Structures are given as C-alpha cells and as structure tokens.
PDB file of all heavy atoms in Angstrom:
ATOM      1  N   ALA A   1      -9.340   1.189  -2.011  1.00  0.00           N
ATOM      2  CA  ALA A   1     -10.672   1.490  -2.533  1.00  0.00           C
ATOM      3  C   ALA A   1     -11.196   2.809  -1.991  1.00  0.00           C
ATOM      4  O   ALA A   1     -11.786   3.607  -2.733  1.00  0.00           O
ATOM      5  CB  ALA A   1     -11.630   0.346  -2.181  1.00  0.00           C
ATOM      6  N   ALA A   2     -10.994   3.061  -0.696  1.00  0.00           N
ATOM      7  CA  ALA A   2     -11.495   4.298  -0.098  1.00  0.00           C
ATOM      8  C   ALA A   2     -10.782   5.515  -0.677  1.00  0.00           C
ATOM      9  O   ALA A   2     -11.411   6.553  -0.942  1.00  0.00           O
ATOM     10  CB  ALA A   2     -11.314   4.244   1.412  1.00  0.00           C
ATOM     11  N   LEU A   3      -9.475   5.426  -0.887  1.00  0.00           N
ATOM     12  CA  LEU A   3      -8.740   6.539  -1.477  1.00  0.00           C
ATOM     13  C   LEU A   3      -9.161   6.776  -2.923  1.00  0.00           C
ATOM     14  O   LEU A   3      -9.294   7.920  -3.365  1.00  0.00           O
ATOM     15  CB  LEU A   3      -7.240   6.272  -1.382  1.00  0.00           C
ATOM     16  CG  LEU A   3      -6.637   6.413   0.028  1.00  0.00           C
ATOM     17  CD1 LEU A   3      -5.264   5.763   0.098  1.00  0.00           C
ATOM     18  CD2 LEU A   3      -6.552   7.887   0.435  1.00  0.00           C
ATOM     19  N   ARG A   4      -9.384   5.709  -3.650  1.00  0.00           N
ATOM     20  CA  ARG A   4      -9.856   5.856  -5.031  1.00  0.00           C
ATOM     21  C   ARG A   4     -11.221   6.533  -5.075  1.00  0.00           C
ATOM     22  O   ARG A   4     -11.455   7.433  -5.883  1.00  0.00           O
ATOM     23  CB  ARG A   4      -9.950   4.479  -5.694  1.00  0.00           C
ATOM     24  CG  ARG A   4      -8.658   3.957  -6.297  1.00  0.00           C
ATOM     25  CD  ARG A   4      -8.867   2.565  -6.855  1.00  0.00           C
ATOM     26  NE  ARG A   4      -7.816   2.144  -7.747  1.00  0.00           N
ATOM     27  CZ  ARG A   4      -7.682   0.911  -8.200  1.00  0.00           C
ATOM     28  NH1 ARG A   4      -8.550  -0.034  -7.826  1.00  0.00           N
ATOM     29  NH2 ARG A   4      -6.695   0.593  -9.015  1.00  0.00           N
ATOM     30  N   ARG A   5     -12.127   6.082  -4.209  1.00  0.00           N
ATOM     31  CA  ARG A   5     -13.465   6.670  -4.184  1.00  0.00           C
ATOM     32  C   ARG A   5     -13.423   8.144  -3.829  1.00  0.00           C
ATOM     33  O   ARG A   5     -14.316   8.913  -4.223  1.00  0.00           O
ATOM     34  CB  ARG A   5     -14.365   5.911  -3.201  1.00  0.00           C
ATOM     35  CG  ARG A   5     -14.863   4.574  -3.709  1.00  0.00           C
ATOM     36  CD  ARG A   5     -16.007   4.052  -2.855  1.00  0.00           C
ATOM     37  NE  ARG A   5     -15.586   3.845  -1.468  1.00  0.00           N
ATOM     38  CZ  ARG A   5     -15.109   2.701  -1.004  1.00  0.00           C
ATOM     39  NH1 ARG A   5     -14.965   1.666  -1.811  1.00  0.00           N
ATOM     40  NH2 ARG A   5     -14.767   2.595   0.258  1.00  0.00           N
ATOM     41  N   SER A   6     -12.406   8.534  -3.081  1.00  0.00           N
ATOM     42  CA  SER A   6     -12.269   9.940  -2.691  1.00  0.00           C
ATOM     43  C   SER A   6     -11.580  10.769  -3.763  1.00  0.00           C
ATOM     44  O   SER A   6     -11.336  11.965  -3.565  1.00  0.00           O
ATOM     45  CB  SER A   6     -11.484  10.035  -1.376  1.00  0.00           C
ATOM     46  OG  SER A   6     -12.219   9.430  -0.324  1.00  0.00           O
ATOM     47  N   GLY A   7     -11.268  10.149  -4.894  1.00  0.00           N
ATOM     48  CA  GLY A   7     -10.712  10.880  -6.017  1.00  0.00           C
ATOM     49  C   GLY A   7      -9.206  10.945  -6.076  1.00  0.00           C
ATOM     50  O   GLY A   7      -8.651  11.683  -6.901  1.00  0.00           O
ATOM     51  N   PHE A   8      -8.512  10.160  -5.237  1.00  0.00           N
ATOM     52  CA  PHE A   8      -7.057  10.184  -5.256  1.00  0.00           C
ATOM     53  C   PHE A   8      -6.510   9.244  -6.327  1.00  0.00           C
ATOM     54  O   PHE A   8      -7.063   8.167  -6.559  1.00  0.00           O
ATOM     55  CB  PHE A   8      -6.496   9.809  -3.882  1.00  0.00           C
ATOM     56  CG  PHE A   8      -6.811  10.817  -2.815  1.00  0.00           C
ATOM     57  CD1 PHE A   8      -7.758  10.547  -1.831  1.00  0.00           C
ATOM     58  CD2 PHE A   8      -6.183  12.052  -2.803  1.00  0.00           C
ATOM     59  CE1 PHE A   8      -8.061  11.468  -0.859  1.00  0.00           C
ATOM     60  CE2 PHE A   8      -6.478  12.993  -1.832  1.00  0.00           C
ATOM     61  CZ  PHE A   8      -7.424  12.704  -0.858  1.00  0.00           C
ATOM     62  N   ARG A   9      -5.424   9.657  -6.919  1.00  0.00           N
ATOM     63  CA  ARG A   9      -4.808   8.932  -8.014  1.00  0.00           C
ATOM     64  C   ARG A   9      -3.888   7.823  -7.485  1.00  0.00           C
ATOM     65  O   ARG A   9      -3.082   8.037  -6.591  1.00  0.00           O
ATOM     66  CB  ARG A   9      -3.996   9.921  -8.862  1.00  0.00           C
ATOM     67  CG  ARG A   9      -3.245   9.333 -10.030  1.00  0.00           C
ATOM     68  CD  ARG A   9      -2.315  10.399 -10.597  1.00  0.00           C
ATOM     69  NE  ARG A   9      -1.587   9.935 -11.761  1.00  0.00           N
ATOM     70  CZ  ARG A   9      -1.713  10.450 -12.979  1.00  0.00           C
ATOM     71  NH1 ARG A   9      -2.546  11.452 -13.181  1.00  0.00           N
ATOM     72  NH2 ARG A   9      -1.013   9.982 -13.983  1.00  0.00           N
ATOM     73  N   VAL A  10      -4.012   6.620  -8.067  1.00  0.00           N
ATOM     74  CA  VAL A  10      -3.123   5.510  -7.726  1.00  0.00           C
ATOM     75  C   VAL A  10      -1.753   5.754  -8.362  1.00  0.00           C
ATOM     76  O   VAL A  10      -1.656   6.159  -9.521  1.00  0.00           O
ATOM     77  CB  VAL A  10      -3.701   4.174  -8.215  1.00  0.00           C
ATOM     78  CG1 VAL A  10      -2.704   3.046  -8.017  1.00  0.00           C
ATOM     79  CG2 VAL A  10      -5.008   3.854  -7.499  1.00  0.00           C
ATOM     80  N   ALA A  11      -0.697   5.518  -7.604  1.00  0.00           N
ATOM     81  CA  ALA A  11       0.656   5.722  -8.112  1.00  0.00           C
ATOM     82  C   ALA A  11       0.950   4.769  -9.263  1.00  0.00           C
ATOM     83  O   ALA A  11       0.673   3.572  -9.174  1.00  0.00           O
ATOM     84  CB  ALA A  11       1.668   5.508  -6.991  1.00  0.00           C
ATOM     85  N   GLY A  12       1.525   5.323 -10.311  1.00  0.00           N
ATOM     86  CA  GLY A  12       1.884   4.493 -11.457  1.00  0.00           C
ATOM     87  C   GLY A  12       3.361   4.193 -11.532  1.00  0.00           C
ATOM     88  O   GLY A  12       3.814   3.467 -12.423  1.00  0.00           O
ATOM     89  N   TYR A  13       4.142   4.701 -10.601  1.00  0.00           N
ATOM     90  CA  TYR A  13       5.598   4.580 -10.662  1.00  0.00           C
ATOM     91  C   TYR A  13       6.149   3.498  -9.737  1.00  0.00           C
ATOM     92  O   TYR A  13       7.367   3.283  -9.687  1.00  0.00           O
ATOM     93  CB  TYR A  13       6.251   5.922 -10.304  1.00  0.00           C
ATOM     94  CG  TYR A  13       6.035   6.376  -8.882  1.00  0.00           C
ATOM     95  CD1 TYR A  13       6.987   6.151  -7.890  1.00  0.00           C
ATOM     96  CD2 TYR A  13       4.860   7.041  -8.520  1.00  0.00           C
ATOM     97  CE1 TYR A  13       6.779   6.562  -6.584  1.00  0.00           C
ATOM     98  CE2 TYR A  13       4.648   7.458  -7.216  1.00  0.00           C
ATOM     99  CZ  TYR A  13       5.605   7.224  -6.254  1.00  0.00           C
ATOM    100  OH  TYR A  13       5.388   7.634  -4.964  1.00  0.00           O
ATOM    101  N   ILE A  14       5.280   2.815  -9.006  1.00  0.00           N
ATOM    102  CA  ILE A  14       5.725   1.842  -8.007  1.00  0.00           C
ATOM    103  C   ILE A  14       4.631   0.807  -7.804  1.00  0.00           C
ATOM    104  O   ILE A  14       3.467   1.042  -8.165  1.00  0.00           O
ATOM    105  CB  ILE A  14       6.059   2.554  -6.666  1.00  0.00           C
ATOM    106  CG1 ILE A  14       6.895   1.666  -5.755  1.00  0.00           C
ATOM    107  CG2 ILE A  14       4.799   3.046  -5.979  1.00  0.00           C
ATOM    108  CD1 ILE A  14       7.458   2.404  -4.548  1.00  0.00           C
ATOM    109  N   ALA A  15       5.030  -0.344  -7.279  1.00  0.00           N
ATOM    110  CA  ALA A  15       4.060  -1.395  -6.917  1.00  0.00           C
ATOM    111  C   ALA A  15       3.267  -1.908  -8.101  1.00  0.00           C
ATOM    112  O   ALA A  15       2.117  -2.311  -7.954  1.00  0.00           O
ATOM    113  CB  ALA A  15       3.111  -0.892  -5.821  1.00  0.00           C
ATOM    114  N   GLY A  16       3.866  -1.889  -9.279  1.00  0.00           N
ATOM    115  CA  GLY A  16       3.196  -2.433 -10.450  1.00  0.00           C
ATOM    116  C   GLY A  16       2.045  -1.599 -10.960  1.00  0.00           C
ATOM    117  O   GLY A  16       1.305  -2.032 -11.846  1.00  0.00           O
ATOM    118  N   GLY A  17       1.852  -0.414 -10.392  1.00  0.00           N
ATOM    119  CA  GLY A  17       0.818   0.485 -10.869  1.00  0.00           C
ATOM    120  C   GLY A  17      -0.576   0.192 -10.369  1.00  0.00           C
ATOM    121  O   GLY A  17      -1.528   0.864 -10.782  1.00  0.00           O
ATOM    122  N   ASP A  18      -0.732  -0.791  -9.456  1.00  0.00           N
ATOM    123  CA  ASP A  18      -2.077  -1.098  -8.958  1.00  0.00           C
ATOM    124  C   ASP A  18      -2.334  -0.539  -7.564  1.00  0.00           C
ATOM    125  O   ASP A  18      -3.396  -0.757  -6.991  1.00  0.00           O
ATOM    126  CB  ASP A  18      -2.334  -2.607  -8.976  1.00  0.00           C
ATOM    127  CG  ASP A  18      -1.494  -3.380  -7.959  1.00  0.00           C
ATOM    128  OD1 ASP A  18      -0.602  -2.766  -7.324  1.00  0.00           O
ATOM    129  OD2 ASP A  18      -1.725  -4.599  -7.802  1.00  0.00           O
ATOM    130  N   GLY A  19      -1.360   0.170  -7.011  1.00  0.00           N
ATOM    131  CA  GLY A  19      -1.557   0.806  -5.721  1.00  0.00           C
ATOM    132  C   GLY A  19      -1.311  -0.072  -4.519  1.00  0.00           C
ATOM    133  O   GLY A  19      -1.416   0.402  -3.388  1.00  0.00           O
ATOM    134  N   LEU A  20      -0.961  -1.339  -4.722  1.00  0.00           N
ATOM    135  CA  LEU A  20      -0.697  -2.253  -3.618  1.00  0.00           C
ATOM    136  C   LEU A  20       0.743  -2.742  -3.686  1.00  0.00           C
ATOM    137  O   LEU A  20       1.196  -3.221  -4.732  1.00  0.00           O
ATOM    138  CB  LEU A  20      -1.637  -3.461  -3.655  1.00  0.00           C
ATOM    139  CG  LEU A  20      -3.127  -3.194  -3.452  1.00  0.00           C
ATOM    140  CD1 LEU A  20      -3.905  -4.505  -3.515  1.00  0.00           C
ATOM    141  CD2 LEU A  20      -3.387  -2.480  -2.130  1.00  0.00           C
ATOM    142  N   ASP A  21       1.440  -2.637  -2.564  1.00  0.00           N
ATOM    143  CA  ASP A  21       2.830  -3.078  -2.487  1.00  0.00           C
ATOM    144  C   ASP A  21       2.967  -3.991  -1.274  1.00  0.00           C
ATOM    145  O   ASP A  21       2.403  -3.701  -0.215  1.00  0.00           O
ATOM    146  CB  ASP A  21       3.753  -1.862  -2.340  1.00  0.00           C
ATOM    147  CG  ASP A  21       5.207  -2.189  -2.602  1.00  0.00           C
ATOM    148  OD1 ASP A  21       5.480  -3.294  -3.120  1.00  0.00           O
ATOM    149  OD2 ASP A  21       6.067  -1.344  -2.308  1.00  0.00           O
ATOM    150  N   PHE A  22       3.706  -5.084  -1.424  1.00  0.00           N
ATOM    151  CA  PHE A  22       3.890  -6.036  -0.328  1.00  0.00           C
ATOM    152  C   PHE A  22       5.380  -6.131  -0.027  1.00  0.00           C
ATOM    153  O   PHE A  22       6.176  -6.459  -0.899  1.00  0.00           O
ATOM    154  CB  PHE A  22       3.303  -7.393  -0.692  1.00  0.00           C
ATOM    155  CG  PHE A  22       1.816  -7.347  -0.870  1.00  0.00           C
ATOM    156  CD1 PHE A  22       1.267  -7.083  -2.119  1.00  0.00           C
ATOM    157  CD2 PHE A  22       0.960  -7.515   0.207  1.00  0.00           C
ATOM    158  CE1 PHE A  22      -0.102  -6.999  -2.293  1.00  0.00           C
ATOM    159  CE2 PHE A  22      -0.414  -7.436   0.041  1.00  0.00           C
ATOM    160  CZ  PHE A  22      -0.949  -7.176  -1.205  1.00  0.00           C
ATOM    161  N   ARG A  23       5.722  -5.821   1.234  1.00  0.00           N
ATOM    162  CA  ARG A  23       7.126  -5.743   1.618  1.00  0.00           C
ATOM    163  C   ARG A  23       7.402  -6.531   2.891  1.00  0.00           C
ATOM    164  O   ARG A  23       6.559  -6.601   3.785  1.00  0.00           O
ATOM    165  CB  ARG A  23       7.544  -4.283   1.800  1.00  0.00           C
ATOM    166  CG  ARG A  23       7.548  -3.505   0.497  1.00  0.00           C
ATOM    167  CD  ARG A  23       7.915  -2.046   0.691  1.00  0.00           C
ATOM    168  NE  ARG A  23       9.222  -1.872   1.328  1.00  0.00           N
ATOM    169  CZ  ARG A  23       9.798  -0.676   1.486  1.00  0.00           C
ATOM    170  NH1 ARG A  23       9.171   0.428   1.060  1.00  0.00           N
ATOM    171  NH2 ARG A  23      10.973  -0.584   2.071  1.00  0.00           N
ATOM    172  N   ALA A  24       8.613  -7.096   2.938  1.00  0.00           N
ATOM    173  CA  ALA A  24       9.015  -7.915   4.081  1.00  0.00           C
ATOM    174  C   ALA A  24      10.089  -7.244   4.918  1.00  0.00           C
ATOM    175  O   ALA A  24      10.603  -7.847   5.858  1.00  0.00           O
ATOM    176  CB  ALA A  24       9.527  -9.270   3.588  1.00  0.00           C
ATOM    177  N   ASP A  25      10.427  -5.990   4.604  1.00  0.00           N
ATOM    178  CA  ASP A  25      11.581  -5.342   5.227  1.00  0.00           C
ATOM    179  C   ASP A  25      11.225  -4.204   6.170  1.00  0.00           C
ATOM    180  O   ASP A  25      12.110  -3.460   6.602  1.00  0.00           O
ATOM    181  CB  ASP A  25      12.511  -4.801   4.140  1.00  0.00           C
ATOM    182  CG  ASP A  25      11.848  -3.728   3.281  1.00  0.00           C
ATOM    183  OD1 ASP A  25      10.643  -3.872   2.985  1.00  0.00           O
ATOM    184  OD2 ASP A  25      12.525  -2.758   2.905  1.00  0.00           O
ATOM    185  N   LEU A  26       9.970  -4.034   6.513  1.00  0.00           N
ATOM    186  CA  LEU A  26       9.553  -2.890   7.319  1.00  0.00           C
ATOM    187  C   LEU A  26       9.151  -3.333   8.725  1.00  0.00           C
ATOM    188  O   LEU A  26       8.206  -4.098   8.908  1.00  0.00           O
ATOM    189  CB  LEU A  26       8.380  -2.168   6.652  1.00  0.00           C
ATOM    190  CG  LEU A  26       8.677  -1.589   5.264  1.00  0.00           C
ATOM    191  CD1 LEU A  26       7.402  -1.020   4.649  1.00  0.00           C
ATOM    192  CD2 LEU A  26       9.750  -0.508   5.348  1.00  0.00           C
ATOM    193  N   ALA A  27       9.870  -2.823   9.725  1.00  0.00           N
ATOM    194  CA  ALA A  27       9.582  -3.196  11.109  1.00  0.00           C
ATOM    195  C   ALA A  27       8.175  -2.805  11.523  1.00  0.00           C
ATOM    196  O   ALA A  27       7.524  -3.510  12.309  1.00  0.00           O
ATOM    197  CB  ALA A  27      10.598  -2.535  12.044  1.00  0.00           C
ATOM    198  N   THR A  28       7.693  -1.690  11.007  1.00  0.00           N
ATOM    199  CA  THR A  28       6.346  -1.230  11.347  1.00  0.00           C
ATOM    200  C   THR A  28       5.304  -2.278  10.994  1.00  0.00           C
ATOM    201  O   THR A  28       4.273  -2.398  11.664  1.00  0.00           O
ATOM    202  CB  THR A  28       6.042   0.092  10.616  1.00  0.00           C
ATOM    203  OG1 THR A  28       7.028   1.057  10.981  1.00  0.00           O
ATOM    204  CG2 THR A  28       4.669   0.627  10.982  1.00  0.00           C
ATOM    205  N   LEU A  29       5.568  -3.049   9.957  1.00  0.00           N
ATOM    206  CA  LEU A  29       4.660  -4.121   9.553  1.00  0.00           C
ATOM    207  C   LEU A  29       5.057  -5.452  10.185  1.00  0.00           C
ATOM    208  O   LEU A  29       4.218  -6.186  10.703  1.00  0.00           O
ATOM    209  CB  LEU A  29       4.648  -4.256   8.030  1.00  0.00           C
ATOM    210  CG  LEU A  29       4.315  -2.998   7.222  1.00  0.00           C
ATOM    211  CD1 LEU A  29       4.309  -3.319   5.732  1.00  0.00           C
ATOM    212  CD2 LEU A  29       2.983  -2.396   7.639  1.00  0.00           C
ATOM    213  N   ASN A  30       6.347  -5.775  10.137  1.00  0.00           N
ATOM    214  CA  ASN A  30       6.815  -7.093  10.582  1.00  0.00           C
ATOM    215  C   ASN A  30       6.534  -7.386  12.044  1.00  0.00           C
ATOM    216  O   ASN A  30       6.290  -8.540  12.422  1.00  0.00           O
ATOM    217  CB  ASN A  30       8.322  -7.219  10.341  1.00  0.00           C
ATOM    218  CG  ASN A  30       8.683  -7.352   8.883  1.00  0.00           C
ATOM    219  OD1 ASN A  30       7.842  -7.669   8.052  1.00  0.00           O
ATOM    220  ND2 ASN A  30       9.944  -7.110   8.568  1.00  0.00           N
ATOM    221  N   LEU A  31       6.596  -6.379  12.902  1.00  0.00           N
ATOM    222  CA  LEU A  31       6.479  -6.599  14.341  1.00  0.00           C
ATOM    223  C   LEU A  31       5.052  -6.453  14.853  1.00  0.00           C
ATOM    224  O   LEU A  31       4.801  -6.558  16.045  1.00  0.00           O
ATOM    225  CB  LEU A  31       7.399  -5.637  15.095  1.00  0.00           C
ATOM    226  CG  LEU A  31       8.891  -5.805  14.785  1.00  0.00           C
ATOM    227  CD1 LEU A  31       9.720  -4.781  15.552  1.00  0.00           C
ATOM    228  CD2 LEU A  31       9.365  -7.217  15.090  1.00  0.00           C
ATOM    229  N   SER A  32       4.122  -6.241  13.955  1.00  0.00           N
ATOM    230  CA  SER A  32       2.732  -6.084  14.355  1.00  0.00           C
ATOM    231  C   SER A  32       2.038  -7.432  14.491  1.00  0.00           C
ATOM    232  O   SER A  32       2.221  -8.323  13.655  1.00  0.00           O
ATOM    233  CB  SER A  32       1.980  -5.225  13.325  1.00  0.00           C
ATOM    234  OG  SER A  32       0.631  -5.058  13.713  1.00  0.00           O
ATOM    235  N   ASP A  33       1.246  -7.564  15.533  1.00  0.00           N
ATOM    236  CA  ASP A  33       0.395  -8.739  15.711  1.00  0.00           C
ATOM    237  C   ASP A  33      -1.060  -8.429  15.400  1.00  0.00           C
ATOM    238  O   ASP A  33      -1.935  -9.258  15.664  1.00  0.00           O
ATOM    239  CB  ASP A  33       0.505  -9.253  17.153  1.00  0.00           C
ATOM    240  CG  ASP A  33       1.883  -9.808  17.466  1.00  0.00           C
ATOM    241  OD1 ASP A  33       2.569 -10.281  16.535  1.00  0.00           O
ATOM    242  OD2 ASP A  33       2.281  -9.767  18.649  1.00  0.00           O
ATOM    243  N   VAL A  34      -1.308  -7.235  14.872  1.00  0.00           N
ATOM    244  CA  VAL A  34      -2.659  -6.844  14.483  1.00  0.00           C
ATOM    245  C   VAL A  34      -2.622  -6.434  13.010  1.00  0.00           C
ATOM    246  O   VAL A  34      -1.565  -6.059  12.495  1.00  0.00           O
ATOM    247  CB  VAL A  34      -3.194  -5.688  15.358  1.00  0.00           C
ATOM    248  CG1 VAL A  34      -3.141  -6.086  16.831  1.00  0.00           C
ATOM    249  CG2 VAL A  34      -2.418  -4.408  15.128  1.00  0.00           C
ATOM    250  N   PRO A  35      -3.745  -6.524  12.304  1.00  0.00           N
ATOM    251  CA  PRO A  35      -3.754  -6.139  10.890  1.00  0.00           C
ATOM    252  C   PRO A  35      -3.218  -4.730  10.709  1.00  0.00           C
ATOM    253  O   PRO A  35      -3.590  -3.804  11.439  1.00  0.00           O
ATOM    254  CB  PRO A  35      -5.237  -6.226  10.516  1.00  0.00           C
ATOM    255  CG  PRO A  35      -5.798  -7.238  11.468  1.00  0.00           C
ATOM    256  CD  PRO A  35      -5.053  -7.022  12.754  1.00  0.00           C
TER     257      PRO A  35
END
C-alpha cells in the first residue's frame, strides 16, 4: 500500500499481478522469528 501510494507500479509479471508473493524457500524469511 505504501509503495502504491508513492506512485510505484505493481509488477504484472509475477505473483499473480497483485504485488504479493508468498514463498517457503527463502532463508531470510524462514529463519525469522519476527514479522
């Protein structure tokens, strides 16, 4: 939402075109205990 409000374009080539992607294969996300 913040990027959209700042005028940035949501990617249409990935993540179904809605700008949100959910992945289970990234250590940067998987090993985090904080949001």
